Amino acid sequence: MNQLTMAMREILNDLHREDSGQDLIEYAMIAALIALAATAGMGTVASAVNGVFSSVGVKIRAYIL
């Protein structure tokens, strides 16, 4: 083999053995999953909070009037 091919093979082998960025990618994927779940759950939480505020508003209005 020529020098260029051997150098390319060595670089590819080094990249294959390199796993220092793997943890960062895993943490990013976990953060993305948590963000997705939080976003999906916000609709339900927002509806519940809106219902509670509406109920409190109706009760306050009944006491004032």
PDB file of N, CA and C in Angstrom:
ATOM      1  N   MET A   1       0.847  -1.175   0.000  1.00  0.00           N
ATOM      2  CA  MET A   1       0.000   0.000   0.000  1.00  0.00           C
ATOM      3  C   MET A   1       0.892   1.238   0.000  1.00  0.00           C
ATOM      4  N   ASN A   2       0.322   2.282  -0.525  1.00  0.00           N
ATOM      5  CA  ASN A   2       1.107   3.516  -0.533  1.00  0.00           C
ATOM      6  C   ASN A   2       0.914   4.288   0.767  1.00  0.00           C
ATOM      7  N   GLN A   3       1.676   5.316   0.956  1.00  0.00           N
ATOM      8  CA  GLN A   3       1.679   6.091   2.196  1.00  0.00           C
ATOM      9  C   GLN A   3       0.320   6.732   2.469  1.00  0.00           C
ATOM     10  N   LEU A   4      -0.331   7.259   1.448  1.00  0.00           N
ATOM     11  CA  LEU A   4      -1.620   7.933   1.624  1.00  0.00           C
ATOM     12  C   LEU A   4      -2.682   6.953   2.129  1.00  0.00           C
ATOM     13  N   THR A   5      -2.721   5.785   1.551  1.00  0.00           N
ATOM     14  CA  THR A   5      -3.695   4.782   1.964  1.00  0.00           C
ATOM     15  C   THR A   5      -3.451   4.355   3.405  1.00  0.00           C
ATOM     16  N   MET A   6      -2.194   4.172   3.761  1.00  0.00           N
ATOM     17  CA  MET A   6      -1.866   3.778   5.131  1.00  0.00           C
ATOM     18  C   MET A   6      -2.221   4.887   6.122  1.00  0.00           C
ATOM     19  N   ALA A   7      -1.974   6.122   5.739  1.00  0.00           N
ATOM     20  CA  ALA A   7      -2.309   7.251   6.603  1.00  0.00           C
ATOM     21  C   ALA A   7      -3.821   7.360   6.782  1.00  0.00           C
ATOM     22  N   MET A   8      -4.574   7.185   5.719  1.00  0.00           N
ATOM     23  CA  MET A   8      -6.042   7.248   5.797  1.00  0.00           C
ATOM     24  C   MET A   8      -6.571   6.112   6.674  1.00  0.00           C
ATOM     25  N   ARG A   9      -5.993   4.937   6.525  1.00  0.00           N
ATOM     26  CA  ARG A   9      -6.427   3.797   7.328  1.00  0.00           C
ATOM     27  C   ARG A   9      -6.135   4.062   8.811  1.00  0.00           C
ATOM     28  N   GLU A  10      -4.999   4.635   9.107  1.00  0.00           N
ATOM     29  CA  GLU A  10      -4.644   4.963  10.486  1.00  0.00           C
ATOM     30  C   GLU A  10      -5.606   5.998  11.076  1.00  0.00           C
ATOM     31  N   ILE A  11      -5.954   7.005  10.284  1.00  0.00           N
ATOM     32  CA  ILE A  11      -6.905   8.027  10.740  1.00  0.00           C
ATOM     33  C   ILE A  11      -8.268   7.409  11.006  1.00  0.00           C
ATOM     34  N   LEU A  12      -8.736   6.564  10.119  1.00  0.00           N
ATOM     35  CA  LEU A  12     -10.032   5.915  10.304  1.00  0.00           C
ATOM     36  C   LEU A  12     -10.028   5.000  11.523  1.00  0.00           C
ATOM     37  N   ASN A  13      -8.936   4.296  11.744  1.00  0.00           N
ATOM     38  CA  ASN A  13      -8.834   3.441  12.928  1.00  0.00           C
ATOM     39  C   ASN A  13      -8.857   4.275  14.204  1.00  0.00           C
ATOM     40  N   ASP A  14      -8.178   5.400  14.196  1.00  0.00           N
ATOM     41  CA  ASP A  14      -8.193   6.287  15.358  1.00  0.00           C
ATOM     42  C   ASP A  14      -9.598   6.823  15.628  1.00  0.00           C
ATOM     43  N   LEU A  15     -10.303   7.198  14.585  1.00  0.00           N
ATOM     44  CA  LEU A  15     -11.671   7.697  14.749  1.00  0.00           C
ATOM     45  C   LEU A  15     -12.590   6.606  15.269  1.00  0.00           C
ATOM     46  N   HIS A  16     -12.371   5.404  14.810  1.00  0.00           N
ATOM     47  CA  HIS A  16     -13.207   4.281  15.246  1.00  0.00           C
ATOM     48  C   HIS A  16     -12.991   3.997  16.732  1.00  0.00           C
ATOM     49  N   ARG A  17     -11.772   4.127  17.207  1.00  0.00           N
ATOM     50  CA  ARG A  17     -11.460   3.883  18.616  1.00  0.00           C
ATOM     51  C   ARG A  17     -11.840   5.056  19.500  1.00  0.00           C
ATOM     52  N   GLU A  18     -11.957   6.233  18.943  1.00  0.00           N
ATOM     53  CA  GLU A  18     -12.258   7.444  19.710  1.00  0.00           C
ATOM     54  C   GLU A  18     -13.714   7.426  20.143  1.00  0.00           C
ATOM     55  N   ASP A  19     -13.969   7.503  21.443  1.00  0.00           N
ATOM     56  CA  ASP A  19     -15.349   7.517  21.932  1.00  0.00           C
ATOM     57  C   ASP A  19     -15.584   8.629  22.958  1.00  0.00           C
ATOM     58  N   SER A  20     -14.753   9.655  22.960  1.00  0.00           N
ATOM     59  CA  SER A  20     -14.882  10.718  23.955  1.00  0.00           C
ATOM     60  C   SER A  20     -16.145  11.557  23.739  1.00  0.00           C
ATOM     61  N   GLY A  21     -16.636  11.671  22.537  1.00  0.00           N
ATOM     62  CA  GLY A  21     -17.843  12.453  22.278  1.00  0.00           C
ATOM     63  C   GLY A  21     -19.125  11.679  22.471  1.00  0.00           C
ATOM     64  N   GLN A  22     -19.007  10.398  22.758  1.00  0.00           N
ATOM     65  CA  GLN A  22     -20.193   9.554  22.892  1.00  0.00           C
ATOM     66  C   GLN A  22     -21.042   9.986  24.081  1.00  0.00           C
ATOM     67  N   ASP A  23     -20.430  10.301  25.206  1.00  0.00           N
ATOM     68  CA  ASP A  23     -21.188  10.725  26.381  1.00  0.00           C
ATOM     69  C   ASP A  23     -21.957  12.002  26.114  1.00  0.00           C
ATOM     70  N   LEU A  24     -21.338  12.944  25.430  1.00  0.00           N
ATOM     71  CA  LEU A  24     -21.999  14.206  25.123  1.00  0.00           C
ATOM     72  C   LEU A  24     -23.239  13.976  24.270  1.00  0.00           C
ATOM     73  N   ILE A  25     -23.138  13.102  23.300  1.00  0.00           N
ATOM     74  CA  ILE A  25     -24.280  12.800  22.440  1.00  0.00           C
ATOM     75  C   ILE A  25     -25.391  12.131  23.254  1.00  0.00           C
ATOM     76  N   GLU A  26     -25.025  11.226  24.143  1.00  0.00           N
ATOM     77  CA  GLU A  26     -26.044  10.568  24.971  1.00  0.00           C
ATOM     78  C   GLU A  26     -26.750  11.579  25.874  1.00  0.00           C
ATOM     79  N   TYR A  27     -25.998  12.480  26.479  1.00  0.00           N
ATOM     80  CA  TYR A  27     -26.611  13.500  27.326  1.00  0.00           C
ATOM     81  C   TYR A  27     -27.524  14.419  26.511  1.00  0.00           C
ATOM     82  N   ALA A  28     -27.115  14.755  25.308  1.00  0.00           N
ATOM     83  CA  ALA A  28     -27.943  15.604  24.450  1.00  0.00           C
ATOM     84  C   ALA A  28     -29.233  14.891  24.072  1.00  0.00           C
ATOM     85  N   MET A  29     -29.151  13.597  23.807  1.00  0.00           N
ATOM     86  CA  MET A  29     -30.356  12.837  23.471  1.00  0.00           C
ATOM     87  C   MET A  29     -31.302  12.742  24.664  1.00  0.00           C
ATOM     88  N   ILE A  30     -30.758  12.571  25.870  1.00  0.00           N
ATOM     89  CA  ILE A  30     -31.595  12.525  27.072  1.00  0.00           C
ATOM     90  C   ILE A  30     -32.256  13.877  27.304  1.00  0.00           C
ATOM     91  N   ALA A  31     -31.507  14.958  27.127  1.00  0.00           N
ATOM     92  CA  ALA A  31     -32.068  16.298  27.294  1.00  0.00           C
ATOM     93  C   ALA A  31     -33.167  16.560  26.277  1.00  0.00           C
ATOM     94  N   ALA A  32     -32.969  16.107  25.042  1.00  0.00           N
ATOM     95  CA  ALA A  32     -33.991  16.279  24.013  1.00  0.00           C
ATOM     96  C   ALA A  32     -35.247  15.478  24.360  1.00  0.00           C
ATOM     97  N   LEU A  33     -35.073  14.281  24.889  1.00  0.00           N
ATOM     98  CA  LEU A  33     -36.223  13.459  25.275  1.00  0.00           C
ATOM     99  C   LEU A  33     -36.990  14.105  26.424  1.00  0.00           C
ATOM    100  N   ILE A  34     -36.282  14.653  27.395  1.00  0.00           N
ATOM    101  CA  ILE A  34     -36.939  15.336  28.515  1.00  0.00           C
ATOM    102  C   ILE A  34     -37.680  16.573  28.019  1.00  0.00           C
ATOM    103  N   ALA A  35     -37.063  17.327  27.119  1.00  0.00           N
ATOM    104  CA  ALA A  35     -37.716  18.520  26.574  1.00  0.00           C
ATOM    105  C   ALA A  35     -38.966  18.143  25.792  1.00  0.00           C
ATOM    106  N   LEU A  36     -38.901  17.067  25.033  1.00  0.00           N
ATOM    107  CA  LEU A  36     -40.068  16.616  24.269  1.00  0.00           C
ATOM    108  C   LEU A  36     -41.190  16.190  25.201  1.00  0.00           C
ATOM    109  N   ALA A  37     -40.859  15.442  26.241  1.00  0.00           N
ATOM    110  CA  ALA A  37     -41.880  15.008  27.197  1.00  0.00           C
ATOM    111  C   ALA A  37     -42.481  16.197  27.932  1.00  0.00           C
ATOM    112  N   ALA A  38     -41.641  17.165  28.309  1.00  0.00           N
ATOM    113  CA  ALA A  38     -42.153  18.351  29.001  1.00  0.00           C
ATOM    114  C   ALA A  38     -43.075  19.150  28.101  1.00  0.00           C
ATOM    115  N   THR A  39     -42.703  19.276  26.837  1.00  0.00           N
ATOM    116  CA  THR A  39     -43.539  20.009  25.894  1.00  0.00           C
ATOM    117  C   THR A  39     -44.866  19.297  25.678  1.00  0.00           C
ATOM    118  N   ALA A  40     -44.827  17.985  25.578  1.00  0.00           N
ATOM    119  CA  ALA A  40     -46.062  17.222  25.377  1.00  0.00           C
ATOM    120  C   ALA A  40     -46.973  17.314  26.599  1.00  0.00           C
ATOM    121  N   GLY A  41     -46.383  17.335  27.786  1.00  0.00           N
ATOM    122  CA  GLY A  41     -47.183  17.391  29.003  1.00  0.00           C
ATOM    123  C   GLY A  41     -47.705  18.769  29.334  1.00  0.00           C
ATOM    124  N   MET A  42     -47.159  19.806  28.736  1.00  0.00           N
ATOM    125  CA  MET A  42     -47.583  21.175  29.060  1.00  0.00           C
ATOM    126  C   MET A  42     -49.032  21.445  28.674  1.00  0.00           C
ATOM    127  N   GLY A  43     -49.526  20.818  27.641  1.00  0.00           N
ATOM    128  CA  GLY A  43     -50.922  21.026  27.242  1.00  0.00           C
ATOM    129  C   GLY A  43     -51.883  20.585  28.330  1.00  0.00           C
ATOM    130  N   THR A  44     -51.628  19.437  28.905  1.00  0.00           N
ATOM    131  CA  THR A  44     -52.475  18.925  29.977  1.00  0.00           C
ATOM    132  C   THR A  44     -52.363  19.789  31.221  1.00  0.00           C
ATOM    133  N   VAL A  45     -51.151  20.147  31.574  1.00  0.00           N
ATOM    134  CA  VAL A  45     -50.938  20.974  32.761  1.00  0.00           C
ATOM    135  C   VAL A  45     -51.574  22.347  32.568  1.00  0.00           C
ATOM    136  N   ALA A  46     -51.410  22.922  31.385  1.00  0.00           N
ATOM    137  CA  ALA A  46     -51.986  24.240  31.120  1.00  0.00           C
ATOM    138  C   ALA A  46     -53.506  24.203  31.218  1.00  0.00           C
ATOM    139  N   SER A  47     -54.121  23.152  30.718  1.00  0.00           N
ATOM    140  CA  SER A  47     -55.579  23.037  30.812  1.00  0.00           C
ATOM    141  C   SER A  47     -56.027  22.926  32.263  1.00  0.00           C
ATOM    142  N   ALA A  48     -55.309  22.146  33.055  1.00  0.00           N
ATOM    143  CA  ALA A  48     -55.668  21.997  34.467  1.00  0.00           C
ATOM    144  C   ALA A  48     -55.510  23.314  35.217  1.00  0.00           C
ATOM    145  N   VAL A  49     -54.421  24.021  34.982  1.00  0.00           N
ATOM    146  CA  VAL A  49     -54.186  25.301  35.655  1.00  0.00           C
ATOM    147  C   VAL A  49     -55.235  26.316  35.221  1.00  0.00           C
ATOM    148  N   ASN A  50     -55.563  26.337  33.951  1.00  0.00           N
ATOM    149  CA  ASN A  50     -56.593  27.249  33.459  1.00  0.00           C
ATOM    150  C   ASN A  50     -57.942  26.950  34.117  1.00  0.00           C
ATOM    151  N   GLY A  51     -58.254  25.678  34.275  1.00  0.00           N
ATOM    152  CA  GLY A  51     -59.509  25.302  34.940  1.00  0.00           C
ATOM    153  C   GLY A  51     -59.547  25.755  36.384  1.00  0.00           C
ATOM    154  N   VAL A  52     -58.443  25.614  37.085  1.00  0.00           N
ATOM    155  CA  VAL A  52     -58.379  26.042  38.489  1.00  0.00           C
ATOM    156  C   VAL A  52     -58.550  27.555  38.591  1.00  0.00           C
ATOM    157  N   PHE A  53     -57.859  28.306  37.749  1.00  0.00           N
ATOM    158  CA  PHE A  53     -57.997  29.767  37.790  1.00  0.00           C
ATOM    159  C   PHE A  53     -59.414  30.200  37.429  1.00  0.00           C
ATOM    160  N   SER A  54     -60.021  29.534  36.479  1.00  0.00           N
ATOM    161  CA  SER A  54     -61.407  29.871  36.120  1.00  0.00           C
ATOM    162  C   SER A  54     -62.341  29.603  37.283  1.00  0.00           C
ATOM    163  N   SER A  55     -62.145  28.476  37.965  1.00  0.00           N
ATOM    164  CA  SER A  55     -62.976  28.133  39.111  1.00  0.00           C
ATOM    165  C   SER A  55     -62.810  29.148  40.237  1.00  0.00           C
ATOM    166  N   VAL A  56     -61.585  29.529  40.510  1.00  0.00           N
ATOM    167  CA  VAL A  56     -61.325  30.539  41.548  1.00  0.00           C
ATOM    168  C   VAL A  56     -61.934  31.873  41.142  1.00  0.00           C
ATOM    169  N   GLY A  57     -61.817  32.230  39.871  1.00  0.00           N
ATOM    170  CA  GLY A  57     -62.399  33.489  39.396  1.00  0.00           C
ATOM    171  C   GLY A  57     -63.904  33.525  39.547  1.00  0.00           C
ATOM    172  N   VAL A  58     -64.556  32.407  39.244  1.00  0.00           N
ATOM    173  CA  VAL A  58     -66.012  32.341  39.389  1.00  0.00           C
ATOM    174  C   VAL A  58     -66.405  32.486  40.858  1.00  0.00           C
ATOM    175  N   LYS A  59     -65.684  31.834  41.746  1.00  0.00           N
ATOM    176  CA  LYS A  59     -66.006  31.921  43.181  1.00  0.00           C
ATOM    177  C   LYS A  59     -65.777  33.327  43.723  1.00  0.00           C
ATOM    178  N   ILE A  60     -64.699  33.962  43.306  1.00  0.00           N
ATOM    179  CA  ILE A  60     -64.439  35.337  43.748  1.00  0.00           C
ATOM    180  C   ILE A  60     -65.510  36.282  43.237  1.00  0.00           C
ATOM    181  N   ARG A  61     -65.887  36.101  41.972  1.00  0.00           N
ATOM    182  CA  ARG A  61     -66.928  36.962  41.389  1.00  0.00           C
ATOM    183  C   ARG A  61     -68.254  36.771  42.108  1.00  0.00           C
ATOM    184  N   ALA A  62     -68.549  35.534  42.547  1.00  0.00           N
ATOM    185  CA  ALA A  62     -69.807  35.275  43.278  1.00  0.00           C
ATOM    186  C   ALA A  62     -69.780  35.976  44.636  1.00  0.00           C
ATOM    187  N   TYR A  63     -68.662  36.016  45.303  1.00  0.00           N
ATOM    188  CA  TYR A  63     -68.585  36.681  46.593  1.00  0.00           C
ATOM    189  C   TYR A  63     -68.627  38.189  46.466  1.00  0.00           C
ATOM    190  N   ILE A  64     -68.080  38.735  45.386  1.00  0.00           N
ATOM    191  CA  ILE A  64     -68.067  40.176  45.200  1.00  0.00           C
ATOM    192  C   ILE A  64     -69.451  40.681  44.829  1.00  0.00           C
ATOM    193  N   LEU A  65     -70.134  39.964  43.965  1.00  0.00           N
ATOM    194  CA  LEU A  65     -71.462  40.403  43.518  1.00  0.00           C
ATOM    195  C   LEU A  65     -72.490  39.891  44.439  1.00  0.00           C
TER     196      LEU A  65
END
